Amino acid sequence: MGRLVPAVTRALDILELFLEGDATLSAPDVTRKLQLPRTTVHELLTTLAARSYLVTEPEQPGRYRLGVRAYQLGSRYAEQLDLAAEGGRVAREVAETCDETVHVAILEDMDVIYIAKVDSTHAVRMVSAAGRRLPAHCTSVGKMLLASLPADELDARIAGRELAAMTPASLTDPEELRAALAGIRERGIAVEHRESNPDVSCVAAPVRDSAGRVVAALSISVPMIRWNEDREAELAELAAKGARDLSVRLGHRGAR
């Protein structure tokens, strides 16, 4: 493994200061925040500005803001993002940690569509598969995604709709579903007990994009023979971490 180049590391440290929320920074700001020599800071700022990663602020002499090159790199990264591919990678990491089945799903109307699935090594049949559609109100990923909708949009989706049951435990009453979703919003984790499969329970957490919007959910599914309160708490924490990791890959800065 090659060694880190100090000058490159320092230049990147300067650029990452703008992630903290400052619109502009001066050389003294950078010197204070990074504890670097003033001469080094001036040389790095001059180099970054020459390459258009930073530009000077015309109305504030001596202050710098991000330049067009930084925007171009960010845009290029965003163009290459593939939610299904990134979701599959994170799902695999989570599954390797807990050896249970992990899903990533998106919401379409009142259904969820599974865009990634990684099976556990245990021989337990799940009703899901990548590309399959299931009623959102019967799944932990679906309830997580429904709970993330604005109230008026949720009402519009539920109004006048019959909520079909997949198992005797499925929520089919709109008011009971609304109450369940309120609890999910408060907790930040969705739990499903035998609502889509009579032999399985699941936990799910929200996945956010660079703008902070919930765009998917990640869940861990467990057969009832391996489910208890301690396991639920453990997997809820792991699902939340996996969802945060995927959010980071999608550019969400508040996920850590």
C-alpha atoms as a PDB file:
ATOM      1  CA  MET A   1       0.000   0.000   0.000  1.00  0.00           C
ATOM      2  CA  GLY A   2       1.421   3.387  -1.028  1.00  0.00           C
ATOM      3  CA  ARG A   3       2.042   6.195   1.434  1.00  0.00           C
ATOM      4  CA  LEU A   4      -0.183   9.239   1.748  1.00  0.00           C
ATOM      5  CA  VAL A   5       1.092  12.435   0.141  1.00  0.00           C
ATOM      6  CA  PRO A   6       0.974  15.202   2.787  1.00  0.00           C
ATOM      7  CA  ALA A   7       0.373  18.066   0.344  1.00  0.00           C
ATOM      8  CA  VAL A   8      -2.569  16.265  -1.259  1.00  0.00           C
ATOM      9  CA  THR A   9      -4.002  15.369   2.142  1.00  0.00           C
ATOM     10  CA  ARG A  10      -3.806  19.005   3.251  1.00  0.00           C
ATOM     11  CA  ALA A  11      -5.423  20.249   0.062  1.00  0.00           C
ATOM     12  CA  LEU A  12      -8.303  17.821   0.545  1.00  0.00           C
ATOM     13  CA  ASP A  13      -8.592  18.868   4.191  1.00  0.00           C
ATOM     14  CA  ILE A  14      -9.105  22.444   2.989  1.00  0.00           C
ATOM     15  CA  LEU A  15     -11.825  21.439   0.539  1.00  0.00           C
ATOM     16  CA  GLU A  16     -13.574  19.357   3.200  1.00  0.00           C
ATOM     17  CA  LEU A  17     -13.757  22.380   5.500  1.00  0.00           C
ATOM     18  CA  PHE A  18     -16.545  23.626   3.235  1.00  0.00           C
ATOM     19  CA  LEU A  19     -18.601  20.568   4.195  1.00  0.00           C
ATOM     20  CA  GLU A  20     -18.892  22.050   7.687  1.00  0.00           C
ATOM     21  CA  GLY A  21     -21.226  24.743   6.388  1.00  0.00           C
ATOM     22  CA  ASP A  22     -18.940  27.716   5.751  1.00  0.00           C
ATOM     23  CA  ALA A  23     -19.752  29.432   2.452  1.00  0.00           C
ATOM     24  CA  THR A  24     -16.410  31.239   2.372  1.00  0.00           C
ATOM     25  CA  LEU A  25     -13.086  30.827   4.160  1.00  0.00           C
ATOM     26  CA  SER A  26     -10.029  33.052   4.481  1.00  0.00           C
ATOM     27  CA  ALA A  27      -6.415  31.952   4.809  1.00  0.00           C
ATOM     28  CA  PRO A  28      -6.453  32.763   8.555  1.00  0.00           C
ATOM     29  CA  ASP A  29      -9.633  30.647   8.917  1.00  0.00           C
ATOM     30  CA  VAL A  30      -7.912  27.674   7.299  1.00  0.00           C
ATOM     31  CA  THR A  31      -4.745  28.184   9.318  1.00  0.00           C
ATOM     32  CA  ARG A  32      -6.725  28.212  12.562  1.00  0.00           C
ATOM     33  CA  LYS A  33      -8.994  25.270  11.735  1.00  0.00           C
ATOM     34  CA  LEU A  34      -6.265  22.965  10.379  1.00  0.00           C
ATOM     35  CA  GLN A  35      -3.317  24.197  12.455  1.00  0.00           C
ATOM     36  CA  LEU A  36      -1.132  24.517   9.392  1.00  0.00           C
ATOM     37  CA  PRO A  37       1.694  26.999   8.698  1.00  0.00           C
ATOM     38  CA  ARG A  38       0.498  30.219   7.048  1.00  0.00           C
ATOM     39  CA  THR A  39       2.902  29.834   4.124  1.00  0.00           C
ATOM     40  CA  THR A  40       1.636  26.315   3.434  1.00  0.00           C
ATOM     41  CA  VAL A  41      -1.991  27.465   3.556  1.00  0.00           C
ATOM     42  CA  HIS A  42      -1.372  30.303   1.110  1.00  0.00           C
ATOM     43  CA  GLU A  43       0.411  27.965  -1.312  1.00  0.00           C
ATOM     44  CA  LEU A  44      -2.401  25.405  -1.150  1.00  0.00           C
ATOM     45  CA  LEU A  45      -5.123  28.035  -1.573  1.00  0.00           C
ATOM     46  CA  THR A  46      -3.308  29.526  -4.554  1.00  0.00           C
ATOM     47  CA  THR A  47      -2.961  26.087  -6.166  1.00  0.00           C
ATOM     48  CA  LEU A  48      -6.613  25.150  -5.588  1.00  0.00           C
ATOM     49  CA  ALA A  49      -7.747  28.477  -6.996  1.00  0.00           C
ATOM     50  CA  ALA A  50      -5.490  28.083 -10.046  1.00  0.00           C
ATOM     51  CA  ARG A  51      -7.178  24.736 -10.757  1.00  0.00           C
ATOM     52  CA  SER A  52     -10.693  26.205 -10.192  1.00  0.00           C
ATOM     53  CA  TYR A  53     -11.452  24.113  -7.112  1.00  0.00           C
ATOM     54  CA  LEU A  54     -11.677  27.403  -5.236  1.00  0.00           C
ATOM     55  CA  VAL A  55     -12.427  30.939  -6.386  1.00  0.00           C
ATOM     56  CA  THR A  56     -11.858  34.237  -4.627  1.00  0.00           C
ATOM     57  CA  GLU A  57     -14.910  36.157  -3.474  1.00  0.00           C
ATOM     58  CA  PRO A  58     -14.953  39.489  -5.403  1.00  0.00           C
ATOM     59  CA  GLU A  59     -16.893  41.348  -2.712  1.00  0.00           C
ATOM     60  CA  GLN A  60     -14.822  39.874   0.135  1.00  0.00           C
ATOM     61  CA  PRO A  61     -11.104  40.167  -0.676  1.00  0.00           C
ATOM     62  CA  GLY A  62      -9.023  37.375   0.791  1.00  0.00           C
ATOM     63  CA  ARG A  63     -11.937  34.948   1.104  1.00  0.00           C
ATOM     64  CA  TYR A  64     -12.455  31.798  -0.952  1.00  0.00           C
ATOM     65  CA  ARG A  65     -15.487  29.726  -1.903  1.00  0.00           C
ATOM     66  CA  LEU A  66     -15.845  26.448  -3.788  1.00  0.00           C
ATOM     67  CA  GLY A  67     -15.209  26.718  -7.511  1.00  0.00           C
ATOM     68  CA  VAL A  68     -16.787  25.142 -10.548  1.00  0.00           C
ATOM     69  CA  ARG A  69     -14.361  22.217 -10.608  1.00  0.00           C
ATOM     70  CA  ALA A  70     -15.614  20.982  -7.249  1.00  0.00           C
ATOM     71  CA  TYR A  71     -19.171  21.212  -8.559  1.00  0.00           C
ATOM     72  CA  GLN A  72     -18.246  19.302 -11.713  1.00  0.00           C
ATOM     73  CA  LEU A  73     -16.692  16.476  -9.713  1.00  0.00           C
ATOM     74  CA  GLY A  74     -19.723  16.271  -7.431  1.00  0.00           C
ATOM     75  CA  SER A  75     -22.083  16.227 -10.391  1.00  0.00           C
ATOM     76  CA  ARG A  76     -20.060  13.516 -12.074  1.00  0.00           C
ATOM     77  CA  TYR A  77     -20.188  11.417  -8.906  1.00  0.00           C
ATOM     78  CA  ALA A  78     -23.960  11.876  -8.679  1.00  0.00           C
ATOM     79  CA  GLU A  79     -24.389  10.809 -12.298  1.00  0.00           C
ATOM     80  CA  GLN A  80     -22.618   7.527 -11.603  1.00  0.00           C
ATOM     81  CA  LEU A  81     -24.653   6.647  -8.518  1.00  0.00           C
ATOM     82  CA  ASP A  82     -26.815   3.576  -8.899  1.00  0.00           C
ATOM     83  CA  LEU A  83     -29.142   3.009  -5.955  1.00  0.00           C
ATOM     84  CA  ALA A  84     -29.633  -0.667  -6.775  1.00  0.00           C
ATOM     85  CA  ALA A  85     -25.911  -1.332  -7.140  1.00  0.00           C
ATOM     86  CA  GLU A  86     -24.938   0.619  -4.025  1.00  0.00           C
ATOM     87  CA  GLY A  87     -27.842  -0.939  -2.135  1.00  0.00           C
ATOM     88  CA  GLY A  88     -26.665  -4.396  -3.134  1.00  0.00           C
ATOM     89  CA  ARG A  89     -23.163  -3.700  -1.875  1.00  0.00           C
ATOM     90  CA  VAL A  90     -24.349  -2.414   1.499  1.00  0.00           C
ATOM     91  CA  ALA A  91     -26.926  -5.209   1.818  1.00  0.00           C
ATOM     92  CA  ARG A  92     -24.133  -7.732   1.285  1.00  0.00           C
ATOM     93  CA  GLU A  93     -22.037  -6.125   4.024  1.00  0.00           C
ATOM     94  CA  VAL A  94     -24.971  -6.151   6.451  1.00  0.00           C
ATOM     95  CA  ALA A  95     -25.854  -9.762   5.602  1.00  0.00           C
ATOM     96  CA  GLU A  96     -22.268 -10.843   6.182  1.00  0.00           C
ATOM     97  CA  THR A  97     -22.426  -9.259   9.627  1.00  0.00           C
ATOM     98  CA  CYS A  98     -25.692 -10.814  10.829  1.00  0.00           C
ATOM     99  CA  ASP A  99     -26.161 -13.802   8.479  1.00  0.00           C
ATOM    100  CA  GLU A 100     -29.795 -12.882   7.901  1.00  0.00           C
ATOM    101  CA  THR A 101     -31.636 -11.821   4.742  1.00  0.00           C
ATOM    102  CA  VAL A 102     -31.247  -8.135   3.876  1.00  0.00           C
ATOM    103  CA  HIS A 103     -33.408  -6.119   1.489  1.00  0.00           C
ATOM    104  CA  VAL A 104     -33.331  -2.644   0.001  1.00  0.00           C
ATOM    105  CA  ALA A 105     -36.646  -1.384  -1.374  1.00  0.00           C
ATOM    106  CA  ILE A 106     -38.256   1.719  -2.846  1.00  0.00           C
ATOM    107  CA  LEU A 107     -41.854   2.940  -2.696  1.00  0.00           C
ATOM    108  CA  GLU A 108     -44.202   3.122  -5.668  1.00  0.00           C
ATOM    109  CA  ASP A 109     -47.723   4.265  -4.824  1.00  0.00           C
ATOM    110  CA  MET A 110     -48.749   1.838  -2.038  1.00  0.00           C
ATOM    111  CA  ASP A 111     -46.339  -0.940  -2.992  1.00  0.00           C
ATOM    112  CA  VAL A 112     -42.674  -1.552  -2.342  1.00  0.00           C
ATOM    113  CA  ILE A 113     -40.330  -2.789  -5.029  1.00  0.00           C
ATOM    114  CA  TYR A 114     -37.274  -4.696  -3.862  1.00  0.00           C
ATOM    115  CA  ILE A 115     -34.222  -3.446  -5.716  1.00  0.00           C
ATOM    116  CA  ALA A 116     -31.638  -5.520  -3.824  1.00  0.00           C
ATOM    117  CA  LYS A 117     -31.719  -8.721  -1.795  1.00  0.00           C
ATOM    118  CA  VAL A 118     -28.970 -10.739  -0.156  1.00  0.00           C
ATOM    119  CA  ASP A 119     -29.959 -14.047   1.394  1.00  0.00           C
ATOM    120  CA  SER A 120     -28.664 -15.494   4.627  1.00  0.00           C
ATOM    121  CA  THR A 121     -26.915 -18.837   4.588  1.00  0.00           C
ATOM    122  CA  HIS A 122     -29.862 -20.359   6.470  1.00  0.00           C
ATOM    123  CA  ALA A 123     -32.360 -22.340   4.420  1.00  0.00           C
ATOM    124  CA  VAL A 124     -35.461 -20.222   5.079  1.00  0.00           C
ATOM    125  CA  ARG A 125     -37.745 -19.194   2.227  1.00  0.00           C
ATOM    126  CA  MET A 126     -38.630 -15.495   1.988  1.00  0.00           C
ATOM    127  CA  VAL A 127     -41.546 -14.139  -0.019  1.00  0.00           C
ATOM    128  CA  SER A 128     -39.415 -11.382  -1.507  1.00  0.00           C
ATOM    129  CA  ALA A 129     -37.058 -11.242  -4.460  1.00  0.00           C
ATOM    130  CA  ALA A 130     -35.259  -8.442  -6.265  1.00  0.00           C
ATOM    131  CA  GLY A 131     -37.796  -6.859  -8.607  1.00  0.00           C
ATOM    132  CA  ARG A 132     -40.810  -8.205  -6.735  1.00  0.00           C
ATOM    133  CA  ARG A 133     -43.620  -5.901  -5.604  1.00  0.00           C
ATOM    134  CA  LEU A 134     -45.420  -6.256  -2.243  1.00  0.00           C
ATOM    135  CA  PRO A 135     -48.028  -4.156  -0.398  1.00  0.00           C
ATOM    136  CA  ALA A 136     -46.151  -1.469   1.513  1.00  0.00           C
ATOM    137  CA  HIS A 137     -48.379  -1.632   4.589  1.00  0.00           C
ATOM    138  CA  CYS A 138     -47.462  -5.310   5.116  1.00  0.00           C
ATOM    139  CA  THR A 139     -43.681  -4.869   5.190  1.00  0.00           C
ATOM    140  CA  SER A 140     -41.195  -3.114   7.433  1.00  0.00           C
ATOM    141  CA  VAL A 141     -39.525  -1.378   4.468  1.00  0.00           C
ATOM    142  CA  GLY A 142     -42.933  -0.256   3.216  1.00  0.00           C
ATOM    143  CA  LYS A 143     -44.062   1.092   6.562  1.00  0.00           C
ATOM    144  CA  MET A 144     -40.753   2.914   6.933  1.00  0.00           C
ATOM    145  CA  LEU A 145     -41.221   4.541   3.536  1.00  0.00           C
ATOM    146  CA  LEU A 146     -44.873   5.393   4.169  1.00  0.00           C
ATOM    147  CA  ALA A 147     -43.952   6.933   7.522  1.00  0.00           C
ATOM    148  CA  SER A 148     -41.495   9.203   5.703  1.00  0.00           C
ATOM    149  CA  LEU A 149     -44.153  10.739   3.436  1.00  0.00           C
ATOM    150  CA  PRO A 150     -45.622  14.187   4.131  1.00  0.00           C
ATOM    151  CA  ALA A 151     -48.998  13.893   5.885  1.00  0.00           C
ATOM    152  CA  ASP A 152     -51.031  15.149   2.916  1.00  0.00           C
ATOM    153  CA  GLU A 153     -49.317  12.776   0.511  1.00  0.00           C
ATOM    154  CA  LEU A 154     -49.848   9.832   2.854  1.00  0.00           C
ATOM    155  CA  ASP A 155     -53.538  10.711   3.198  1.00  0.00           C
ATOM    156  CA  ALA A 156     -53.913  10.896  -0.581  1.00  0.00           C
ATOM    157  CA  ARG A 157     -52.401   7.429  -0.982  1.00  0.00           C
ATOM    158  CA  ILE A 158     -54.463   5.794   1.744  1.00  0.00           C
ATOM    159  CA  ALA A 159     -57.806   7.526   1.132  1.00  0.00           C
ATOM    160  CA  GLY A 160     -60.466   5.201  -0.243  1.00  0.00           C
ATOM    161  CA  ARG A 161     -58.036   2.337  -0.645  1.00  0.00           C
ATOM    162  CA  GLU A 162     -58.644  -1.186   0.596  1.00  0.00           C
ATOM    163  CA  LEU A 163     -55.630  -2.463   2.509  1.00  0.00           C
ATOM    164  CA  ALA A 164     -55.420  -6.144   1.690  1.00  0.00           C
ATOM    165  CA  ALA A 165     -53.965  -8.625   4.170  1.00  0.00           C
ATOM    166  CA  MET A 166     -51.085 -10.964   3.392  1.00  0.00           C
ATOM    167  CA  THR A 167     -51.328 -12.741   6.759  1.00  0.00           C
ATOM    168  CA  PRO A 168     -53.690 -12.560   9.747  1.00  0.00           C
ATOM    169  CA  ALA A 169     -51.241 -10.112  11.363  1.00  0.00           C
ATOM    170  CA  SER A 170     -51.335  -7.587   8.474  1.00  0.00           C
ATOM    171  CA  LEU A 171     -52.593  -4.083   9.254  1.00  0.00           C
ATOM    172  CA  THR A 172     -55.732  -3.474   7.176  1.00  0.00           C
ATOM    173  CA  ASP A 173     -57.401  -0.641   9.085  1.00  0.00           C
ATOM    174  CA  PRO A 174     -56.235   2.788   7.813  1.00  0.00           C
ATOM    175  CA  GLU A 175     -56.390   4.344  11.282  1.00  0.00           C
ATOM    176  CA  GLU A 176     -54.338   1.538  12.817  1.00  0.00           C
ATOM    177  CA  LEU A 177     -51.828   1.964  10.019  1.00  0.00           C
ATOM    178  CA  ARG A 178     -51.615   5.728  10.641  1.00  0.00           C
ATOM    179  CA  ALA A 179     -51.011   5.093  14.336  1.00  0.00           C
ATOM    180  CA  ALA A 180     -48.294   2.571  13.530  1.00  0.00           C
ATOM    181  CA  LEU A 181     -46.637   4.998  11.129  1.00  0.00           C
ATOM    182  CA  ALA A 182     -46.651   7.746  13.774  1.00  0.00           C
ATOM    183  CA  GLY A 183     -44.729   5.425  16.099  1.00  0.00           C
ATOM    184  CA  ILE A 184     -42.259   4.608  13.326  1.00  0.00           C
ATOM    185  CA  ARG A 185     -41.631   8.307  12.656  1.00  0.00           C
ATOM    186  CA  GLU A 186     -40.919   8.839  16.351  1.00  0.00           C
ATOM    187  CA  ARG A 187     -38.602   5.856  16.672  1.00  0.00           C
ATOM    188  CA  GLY A 188     -36.922   6.042  13.265  1.00  0.00           C
ATOM    189  CA  ILE A 189     -37.160   2.260  12.879  1.00  0.00           C
ATOM    190  CA  ALA A 190     -39.971   0.119  11.458  1.00  0.00           C
ATOM    191  CA  VAL A 191     -40.728  -3.351  12.764  1.00  0.00           C
ATOM    192  CA  GLU A 192     -42.952  -5.985  11.177  1.00  0.00           C
ATOM    193  CA  HIS A 193     -44.074  -9.142  12.948  1.00  0.00           C
ATOM    194  CA  ARG A 194     -45.462 -11.830  10.631  1.00  0.00           C
ATOM    195  CA  GLU A 195     -47.319  -9.272   8.503  1.00  0.00           C
ATOM    196  CA  SER A 196     -46.031 -10.387   5.096  1.00  0.00           C
ATOM    197  CA  ASN A 197     -44.887 -13.874   6.033  1.00  0.00           C
ATOM    198  CA  PRO A 198     -46.341 -15.795   9.009  1.00  0.00           C
ATOM    199  CA  ASP A 199     -42.900 -17.154   9.881  1.00  0.00           C
ATOM    200  CA  VAL A 200     -40.806 -13.989   9.592  1.00  0.00           C
ATOM    201  CA  SER A 201     -40.226 -10.680  11.400  1.00  0.00           C
ATOM    202  CA  CYS A 202     -38.295  -7.710  10.010  1.00  0.00           C
ATOM    203  CA  VAL A 203     -36.741  -4.398  11.013  1.00  0.00           C
ATOM    204  CA  ALA A 204     -36.121  -1.514   8.603  1.00  0.00           C
ATOM    205  CA  ALA A 205     -34.426   1.889   8.570  1.00  0.00           C
ATOM    206  CA  PRO A 206     -34.620   4.842   6.141  1.00  0.00           C
ATOM    207  CA  VAL A 207     -32.098   5.576   3.389  1.00  0.00           C
ATOM    208  CA  ARG A 208     -31.627   9.234   2.425  1.00  0.00           C
ATOM    209  CA  ASP A 209     -30.182  10.936  -0.638  1.00  0.00           C
ATOM    210  CA  SER A 210     -27.900  13.961  -0.833  1.00  0.00           C
ATOM    211  CA  ALA A 211     -30.857  16.291  -0.251  1.00  0.00           C
ATOM    212  CA  GLY A 212     -31.944  14.424   2.872  1.00  0.00           C
ATOM    213  CA  ARG A 213     -35.002  12.852   1.245  1.00  0.00           C
ATOM    214  CA  VAL A 214     -35.945   9.277   2.141  1.00  0.00           C
ATOM    215  CA  VAL A 215     -35.530   7.388  -1.139  1.00  0.00           C
ATOM    216  CA  ALA A 216     -35.369   3.787   0.052  1.00  0.00           C
ATOM    217  CA  ALA A 217     -35.365   1.581   3.117  1.00  0.00           C
ATOM    218  CA  LEU A 218     -33.068  -1.212   4.232  1.00  0.00           C
ATOM    219  CA  SER A 219     -34.440  -4.158   6.180  1.00  0.00           C
ATOM    220  CA  ILE A 220     -33.245  -7.318   7.897  1.00  0.00           C
ATOM    221  CA  SER A 221     -35.617 -10.305   7.851  1.00  0.00           C
ATOM    222  CA  VAL A 222     -35.433 -13.049  10.469  1.00  0.00           C
ATOM    223  CA  PRO A 223     -37.381 -16.316  10.917  1.00  0.00           C
ATOM    224  CA  MET A 224     -39.405 -16.369  14.120  1.00  0.00           C
ATOM    225  CA  ILE A 225     -37.331 -19.269  15.428  1.00  0.00           C
ATOM    226  CA  ARG A 226     -34.364 -16.852  15.703  1.00  0.00           C
ATOM    227  CA  TRP A 227     -36.360 -13.794  16.811  1.00  0.00           C
ATOM    228  CA  ASN A 228     -36.561 -12.326  20.313  1.00  0.00           C
ATOM    229  CA  GLU A 229     -36.421  -8.870  21.902  1.00  0.00           C
ATOM    230  CA  ASP A 230     -32.646  -8.850  22.213  1.00  0.00           C
ATOM    231  CA  ARG A 231     -32.240  -9.911  18.593  1.00  0.00           C
ATOM    232  CA  GLU A 232     -34.703  -7.238  17.503  1.00  0.00           C
ATOM    233  CA  ALA A 233     -32.730  -4.511  19.270  1.00  0.00           C
ATOM    234  CA  GLU A 234     -29.447  -5.801  17.831  1.00  0.00           C
ATOM    235  CA  LEU A 235     -30.776  -5.958  14.276  1.00  0.00           C
ATOM    236  CA  ALA A 236     -32.519  -2.588  14.536  1.00  0.00           C
ATOM    237  CA  GLU A 237     -29.154  -1.030  15.337  1.00  0.00           C
ATOM    238  CA  LEU A 238     -27.484  -2.900  12.473  1.00  0.00           C
ATOM    239  CA  ALA A 239     -30.234  -1.938   9.994  1.00  0.00           C
ATOM    240  CA  ALA A 240     -29.894   1.702  11.029  1.00  0.00           C
ATOM    241  CA  LYS A 241     -26.136   1.554  10.510  1.00  0.00           C
ATOM    242  CA  GLY A 242     -26.532  -0.103   7.114  1.00  0.00           C
ATOM    243  CA  ALA A 243     -29.073   2.528   6.067  1.00  0.00           C
ATOM    244  CA  ARG A 244     -26.708   5.292   7.192  1.00  0.00           C
ATOM    245  CA  ASP A 245     -23.842   3.718   5.251  1.00  0.00           C
ATOM    246  CA  LEU A 246     -25.968   3.556   2.108  1.00  0.00           C
ATOM    247  CA  SER A 247     -27.109   7.137   2.665  1.00  0.00           C
ATOM    248  CA  VAL A 248     -23.469   8.246   2.832  1.00  0.00           C
ATOM    249  CA  ARG A 249     -22.800   6.494  -0.477  1.00  0.00           C
ATOM    250  CA  LEU A 250     -25.710   8.443  -1.951  1.00  0.00           C
ATOM    251  CA  GLY A 251     -24.166  11.716  -0.796  1.00  0.00           C
ATOM    252  CA  HIS A 252     -26.118  12.353   2.410  1.00  0.00           C
ATOM    253  CA  ARG A 253     -23.852  14.388   4.673  1.00  0.00           C
ATOM    254  CA  GLY A 254     -25.924  14.064   7.847  1.00  0.00           C
ATOM    255  CA  ALA A 255     -25.824  10.277   7.959  1.00  0.00           C
ATOM    256  CA  ARG A 256     -22.858   9.917  10.320  1.00  0.00           C
END
